[in-house]
Amino acid sequence: MQEFVERTPDYIDGPLNLVIGCGDLGLGCARVLGRRAPLLLVDIDGERLDRSVAMLRHDGFIANGHRCDIADSAQVEALGAALAKTKGVRVLAHVAAVGNTPGGWRAVMKVDLIGAHLVARAAAPHMTRGGVAILISSTGSYQCPVDDRIHALIDAPLEPDFLERFAATLGYEPDFLEAYFIAKQGVNRLAQRLALDWGSQDVRAVSLSPGLINSTMGRTGGSALPVYDGSENKVPGSRSEKAIKEVPLGRQGTLLEITSVVEFLASDAASFINGIDIPVDGGSTALWRVRGVIAR
């Protein structure tokens, strides 16, 4: 019987694709991005990270892991130091986020917004020409009010006392969902800023906003969601009710429908797409605009 001979891809010593977050969407992104580049996966959960790397290696991907709490500036600086020892980063897929967490709105802001800024800062010196940052956001980002005071704050979340100034500007302590939407609006704005800052190095940046997706994070976000029924009011409803009333296609999306767009955005076929947010939502943002739920 012939023994298995491990294949060594020709891209093994090239720039890597960096995936932040090992949830089901993060793993899906790793699988589409690992076909043409070595992978570096980052996650706060060391056991989940090890399982993910082992699974990918078993399937033939070139993958390594780096444990990191992206809300901890020192740990993200260590990630940057690790990237300095590589051939650089061609694709940054920033997926990590929390939703309905026991830590409340402050944890949401620390991970979803501050973490995204810290990772972008750490990756910036190592992005290679022709590279791209793909920041996973949410269509919830479109449901935030347009407020220049809030925009100024979320554009600079690494400034001292950001969380305190954020709550003071709002005038109250937000719930986790409002904080999540505002944090994701900040992610969209970060992608726009990176597109301007990195463009001269031929590096792109985009945000991608999934809508109602059948993912682990979506399913564990709560049993009741706000459903817009066509009036000015929103009522609690299930994910199925939300899909029927808010998604023109009448269903939830799949992880594959998100990762396929990630794969396209990372390719040379998308080489002139830069500085925008791309909703992948079955048409829900279009419906919200028609109904006057959102103005943007």
Protein backbone atom coordinates (compact mmCIF):
# COMPACT_ATOMS: atom_id res chain seq x y z
CA MET A 1 0.00 0.00 0.00
CA GLN A 2 1.37 3.42 -0.97
CA GLU A 3 1.92 5.78 1.94
CA PHE A 4 0.34 9.24 1.96
CA VAL A 5 2.70 11.93 0.70
CA GLU A 6 1.92 15.37 2.07
CA ARG A 7 1.67 18.10 -0.53
CA THR A 8 3.70 21.27 -0.07
CA PRO A 9 1.90 24.17 -1.79
CA ASP A 10 4.03 26.67 -3.69
CA TYR A 11 2.54 29.54 -1.66
CA ILE A 12 3.79 28.25 1.70
CA ASP A 13 6.45 30.96 2.05
CA GLY A 14 4.34 33.81 0.69
CA PRO A 15 2.28 36.52 2.44
CA LEU A 16 -0.37 35.09 4.71
CA ASN A 17 -4.09 35.57 5.07
CA LEU A 18 -4.96 36.66 8.60
CA VAL A 19 -8.35 35.64 10.01
CA ILE A 20 -9.45 37.19 13.29
CA GLY A 21 -12.00 34.97 15.02
CA CYS A 22 -12.56 31.20 14.90
CA GLY A 23 -16.34 31.05 15.09
CA ASP A 24 -18.28 29.42 12.29
CA LEU A 25 -18.01 32.48 10.03
CA GLY A 26 -14.31 32.87 10.81
CA LEU A 27 -13.68 29.22 9.92
CA GLY A 28 -15.69 29.63 6.74
CA CYS A 29 -13.54 32.61 5.78
CA ALA A 30 -10.40 30.61 6.55
CA ARG A 31 -11.52 27.85 4.23
CA VAL A 32 -12.03 30.14 1.25
CA LEU A 33 -8.95 32.28 1.96
CA GLY A 34 -6.64 29.35 2.67
CA ARG A 35 -6.82 27.97 -0.86
CA ARG A 36 -4.11 30.31 -2.13
CA ALA A 37 -2.18 31.46 0.95
CA PRO A 38 -0.99 30.25 4.32
CA LEU A 39 -3.36 31.08 7.14
CA LEU A 40 -2.86 32.65 10.54
CA LEU A 41 -5.93 32.29 12.74
CA VAL A 42 -6.41 34.44 15.84
CA ASP A 43 -8.86 33.81 18.67
CA ILE A 44 -9.18 34.45 22.39
CA ASP A 45 -10.23 30.84 23.09
CA GLY A 46 -7.06 28.76 22.98
CA GLU A 47 -8.85 25.40 22.85
CA ARG A 48 -11.13 26.47 20.02
CA LEU A 49 -8.14 27.92 18.20
CA ASP A 50 -6.18 24.69 18.47
CA ARG A 51 -9.16 22.63 17.25
CA SER A 52 -9.68 24.97 14.30
CA VAL A 53 -6.04 24.87 13.24
CA ALA A 54 -5.92 21.08 13.58
CA MET A 55 -9.08 20.71 11.51
CA LEU A 56 -7.75 22.94 8.74
CA ARG A 57 -4.39 21.19 8.67
CA HIS A 58 -6.13 17.83 8.47
CA ASP A 59 -7.92 19.07 5.36
CA GLY A 60 -4.66 20.17 3.72
CA PHE A 61 -4.54 23.87 4.56
CA ILE A 62 -1.33 25.58 5.72
CA ALA A 63 -2.54 27.01 9.01
CA ASN A 64 -1.15 28.31 12.27
CA GLY A 65 -2.77 29.92 15.29
CA HIS A 66 -2.09 32.84 17.58
CA ARG A 67 -4.04 33.26 20.81
CA CYS A 68 -5.00 36.89 21.41
CA ASP A 69 -7.62 38.95 23.19
CA ILE A 70 -8.16 41.67 20.61
CA ALA A 71 -9.54 44.02 23.26
CA ASP A 72 -6.15 43.93 25.05
CA SER A 73 -3.74 46.40 23.48
CA ALA A 74 -0.64 44.59 24.77
CA GLN A 75 -1.77 41.27 23.31
CA VAL A 76 -2.56 42.88 19.96
CA GLU A 77 0.88 44.52 19.96
CA ALA A 78 2.33 41.02 20.43
CA LEU A 79 0.31 39.89 17.43
CA GLY A 80 1.85 42.72 15.42
CA ALA A 81 5.31 41.59 16.50
CA ALA A 82 4.49 38.07 15.31
CA LEU A 83 3.34 39.45 11.94
CA ALA A 84 6.67 41.26 11.59
CA LYS A 85 8.36 37.85 11.37
CA THR A 86 6.25 36.78 8.37
CA LYS A 87 6.26 37.72 4.69
CA GLY A 88 3.41 40.12 5.39
CA VAL A 89 -0.39 40.04 5.23
CA ARG A 90 -2.24 39.95 1.93
CA VAL A 91 -5.76 39.59 3.37
CA LEU A 92 -7.00 40.64 6.77
CA ALA A 93 -10.42 39.16 7.47
CA HIS A 94 -11.61 40.68 10.71
CA VAL A 95 -14.56 38.55 11.86
CA ALA A 96 -14.35 38.50 15.67
CA ALA A 97 -17.27 40.13 17.50
CA VAL A 98 -19.61 39.63 20.42
CA GLY A 99 -23.31 40.35 20.58
CA ASN A 100 -25.51 39.57 23.58
CA THR A 101 -22.67 39.10 26.05
CA PRO A 102 -22.78 39.03 29.87
CA GLY A 103 -20.31 41.89 29.78
CA GLY A 104 -23.01 44.19 28.44
CA TRP A 105 -22.50 47.17 26.16
CA ARG A 106 -18.97 47.89 27.39
CA ALA A 107 -17.76 44.43 26.35
CA VAL A 108 -19.44 44.91 22.97
CA MET A 109 -17.60 48.19 22.43
CA LYS A 110 -14.28 46.77 23.61
CA VAL A 111 -14.34 43.77 21.30
CA ASP A 112 -16.36 44.94 18.30
CA LEU A 113 -14.99 48.47 17.92
CA ILE A 114 -11.84 48.96 19.99
CA GLY A 115 -10.63 45.50 19.00
CA ALA A 116 -11.12 46.23 15.31
CA HIS A 117 -9.08 49.43 15.60
CA LEU A 118 -6.30 47.70 17.53
CA VAL A 119 -6.05 44.89 14.98
CA ALA A 120 -6.02 47.33 12.05
CA ARG A 121 -3.24 49.32 13.72
CA ALA A 122 -1.19 46.18 14.33
CA ALA A 123 -1.67 44.83 10.80
CA ALA A 124 -1.08 48.13 8.98
CA PRO A 125 2.74 47.96 8.70
CA HIS A 126 2.57 44.41 7.36
CA MET A 127 -0.10 44.71 4.65
CA THR A 128 1.41 43.87 1.25
CA ARG A 129 0.74 45.62 -2.06
CA GLY A 130 -2.45 44.34 -3.62
CA GLY A 131 -3.75 43.40 -0.19
CA VAL A 132 -7.13 44.05 1.36
CA ALA A 133 -8.74 44.34 4.78
CA ILE A 134 -12.26 42.88 4.91
CA LEU A 135 -14.01 43.96 8.09
CA ILE A 136 -17.17 42.03 8.94
CA SER A 137 -19.85 44.44 10.11
CA SER A 138 -23.65 44.15 10.27
CA THR A 139 -26.67 45.65 8.56
CA GLY A 140 -27.60 46.80 12.06
CA SER A 141 -25.03 49.55 11.44
CA TYR A 142 -27.57 51.20 9.12
CA GLN A 143 -30.11 51.55 11.93
CA CYS A 144 -28.04 54.05 13.93
CA PRO A 145 -29.05 57.71 13.94
CA VAL A 146 -26.77 60.11 12.09
CA ASP A 147 -25.06 61.99 14.91
CA ASP A 148 -21.79 63.84 14.34
CA ARG A 149 -20.97 63.74 18.05
CA ILE A 150 -21.19 59.95 18.11
CA HIS A 151 -19.28 59.69 14.84
CA ALA A 152 -16.42 61.72 16.28
CA LEU A 153 -16.22 59.35 19.25
CA ILE A 154 -16.42 56.05 17.38
CA ASP A 155 -13.83 57.25 14.88
CA ALA A 156 -11.30 57.45 17.74
CA PRO A 157 -12.14 54.68 20.23
CA LEU A 158 -8.51 54.28 21.31
CA GLU A 159 -8.56 57.69 23.00
CA PRO A 160 -8.52 57.67 26.83
CA ASP A 161 -11.87 57.35 28.62
CA PHE A 162 -13.68 56.51 25.38
CA LEU A 163 -16.37 54.40 27.06
CA GLU A 164 -17.16 57.03 29.67
CA ARG A 165 -17.34 59.81 27.09
CA PHE A 166 -19.49 57.64 24.85
CA ALA A 167 -22.08 57.03 27.59
CA ALA A 168 -21.99 60.70 28.59
CA THR A 169 -22.61 61.80 25.01
CA LEU A 170 -25.55 59.42 24.67
CA GLY A 171 -26.86 60.58 28.04
CA TYR A 172 -27.60 57.03 29.16
CA GLU A 173 -26.18 53.49 29.28
CA PRO A 174 -27.16 51.75 26.02
CA ASP A 175 -28.36 48.17 25.84
CA PHE A 176 -26.16 45.62 24.10
CA LEU A 177 -28.07 45.78 20.79
CA GLU A 178 -27.78 49.55 20.44
CA ALA A 179 -24.10 49.34 21.35
CA TYR A 180 -23.62 46.56 18.80
CA PHE A 181 -25.22 48.61 16.03
CA ILE A 182 -23.14 51.69 16.88
CA ALA A 183 -19.94 49.64 17.13
CA LYS A 184 -20.60 48.17 13.70
CA GLN A 185 -21.24 51.63 12.30
CA GLY A 186 -17.79 52.44 13.64
CA VAL A 187 -16.39 49.41 11.80
CA ASN A 188 -17.88 50.69 8.53
CA ARG A 189 -16.29 54.07 9.14
CA LEU A 190 -12.97 52.42 9.99
CA ALA A 191 -12.98 50.64 6.63
CA GLN A 192 -13.55 53.96 4.89
CA ARG A 193 -10.66 55.56 6.77
CA LEU A 194 -8.31 52.64 6.05
CA ALA A 195 -9.17 52.83 2.36
CA LEU A 196 -7.91 56.42 2.36
CA ASP A 197 -4.89 55.78 4.56
CA TRP A 198 -3.72 52.62 2.79
CA GLY A 199 -4.67 53.41 -0.80
CA SER A 200 -1.29 54.86 -1.75
CA GLN A 201 0.29 51.49 -0.84
CA ASP A 202 -2.17 49.71 -3.17
CA VAL A 203 -4.00 48.19 -0.20
CA ARG A 204 -7.80 48.22 -0.13
CA ALA A 205 -10.25 48.15 2.75
CA VAL A 206 -13.95 47.31 2.72
CA SER A 207 -16.61 46.37 5.23
CA LEU A 208 -19.15 43.62 4.64
CA SER A 209 -22.48 43.75 6.46
CA PRO A 210 -24.33 40.45 6.77
CA GLY A 211 -28.04 40.65 7.32
CA LEU A 212 -30.12 37.94 8.97
CA ILE A 213 -27.75 34.97 8.73
CA ASN A 214 -28.18 31.45 10.09
CA SER A 215 -25.00 31.50 12.15
CA THR A 216 -24.15 30.50 15.71
CA MET A 217 -23.84 34.13 16.78
CA GLY A 218 -27.18 34.96 15.19
CA ARG A 219 -28.98 32.01 16.76
CA THR A 220 -27.60 32.75 20.23
CA GLY A 221 -28.29 36.49 20.08
CA GLY A 222 -31.65 36.14 21.79
CA SER A 223 -34.99 34.43 21.25
CA ALA A 224 -36.77 37.67 20.33
CA LEU A 225 -35.57 40.24 17.79
CA PRO A 226 -36.98 43.65 16.83
CA VAL A 227 -39.19 43.17 13.77
CA TYR A 228 -40.28 46.09 11.60
CA ASP A 229 -43.83 45.35 10.52
CA GLY A 230 -44.21 48.19 8.01
CA SER A 231 -45.35 50.77 10.54
CA GLU A 232 -43.24 53.10 12.64
CA ASN A 233 -43.20 50.51 15.40
CA LYS A 234 -41.06 47.45 15.95
CA VAL A 235 -42.29 44.41 17.80
CA PRO A 236 -40.47 41.37 19.22
CA GLY A 237 -40.43 38.38 16.93
CA SER A 238 -38.59 35.19 16.05
CA ARG A 239 -35.87 34.95 13.42
CA SER A 240 -38.36 33.31 11.05
CA GLU A 241 -40.86 36.15 11.53
CA LYS A 242 -38.12 38.70 10.97
CA ALA A 243 -37.05 36.97 7.75
CA ILE A 244 -40.61 36.87 6.40
CA LYS A 245 -41.33 40.52 7.20
CA GLU A 246 -37.96 42.14 6.54
CA VAL A 247 -36.11 40.12 3.91
CA PRO A 248 -37.54 40.35 0.38
CA LEU A 249 -36.17 36.89 -0.38
CA GLY A 250 -38.20 35.61 2.58
CA ARG A 251 -35.45 33.66 4.30
CA GLN A 252 -32.26 33.84 6.31
CA GLY A 253 -28.92 33.81 4.56
CA THR A 254 -26.26 31.13 4.93
CA LEU A 255 -22.64 31.33 5.96
CA LEU A 256 -21.64 30.20 2.47
CA GLU A 257 -23.42 33.21 1.01
CA ILE A 258 -21.21 35.43 3.17
CA THR A 259 -17.91 33.63 2.66
CA SER A 260 -18.43 33.58 -1.11
CA VAL A 261 -18.49 37.39 -1.06
CA VAL A 262 -15.40 37.43 1.19
CA GLU A 263 -13.61 35.21 -1.34
CA PHE A 264 -14.55 37.59 -4.17
CA LEU A 265 -13.47 40.71 -2.26
CA ALA A 266 -10.10 39.11 -1.51
CA SER A 267 -9.48 38.33 -5.18
CA ASP A 268 -8.02 40.42 -7.98
CA ALA A 269 -11.50 40.46 -9.52
CA ALA A 270 -12.39 43.01 -6.82
CA SER A 271 -9.22 45.07 -7.18
CA PHE A 272 -11.09 48.38 -7.71
CA ILE A 273 -13.62 47.92 -4.90
CA ASN A 274 -12.45 50.07 -2.03
CA GLY A 275 -13.77 52.10 0.89
CA ILE A 276 -17.39 50.95 0.83
CA ASP A 277 -19.73 48.78 2.86
CA ILE A 278 -21.37 45.85 1.09
CA PRO A 279 -24.65 44.62 2.61
CA VAL A 280 -25.25 40.91 2.02
CA ASP A 281 -28.79 40.81 3.33
CA GLY A 282 -31.31 39.47 0.84
CA GLY A 283 -32.56 43.02 0.25
CA SER A 284 -33.46 43.96 3.83
CA THR A 285 -31.68 47.34 3.77
CA ALA A 286 -33.53 48.21 0.56
CA LEU A 287 -36.82 47.35 2.26
CA TRP A 288 -35.87 49.41 5.32
CA ARG A 289 -35.17 52.43 3.12
CA VAL A 290 -38.52 52.13 1.34
CA ARG A 291 -40.33 51.87 4.66
CA GLY A 292 -38.42 54.82 6.12
CA VAL A 293 -36.75 52.72 8.83
CA ILE A 294 -33.31 53.96 7.75
CA ALA A 295 -32.24 57.09 5.90
CA ARG A 296 -28.84 55.93 4.64
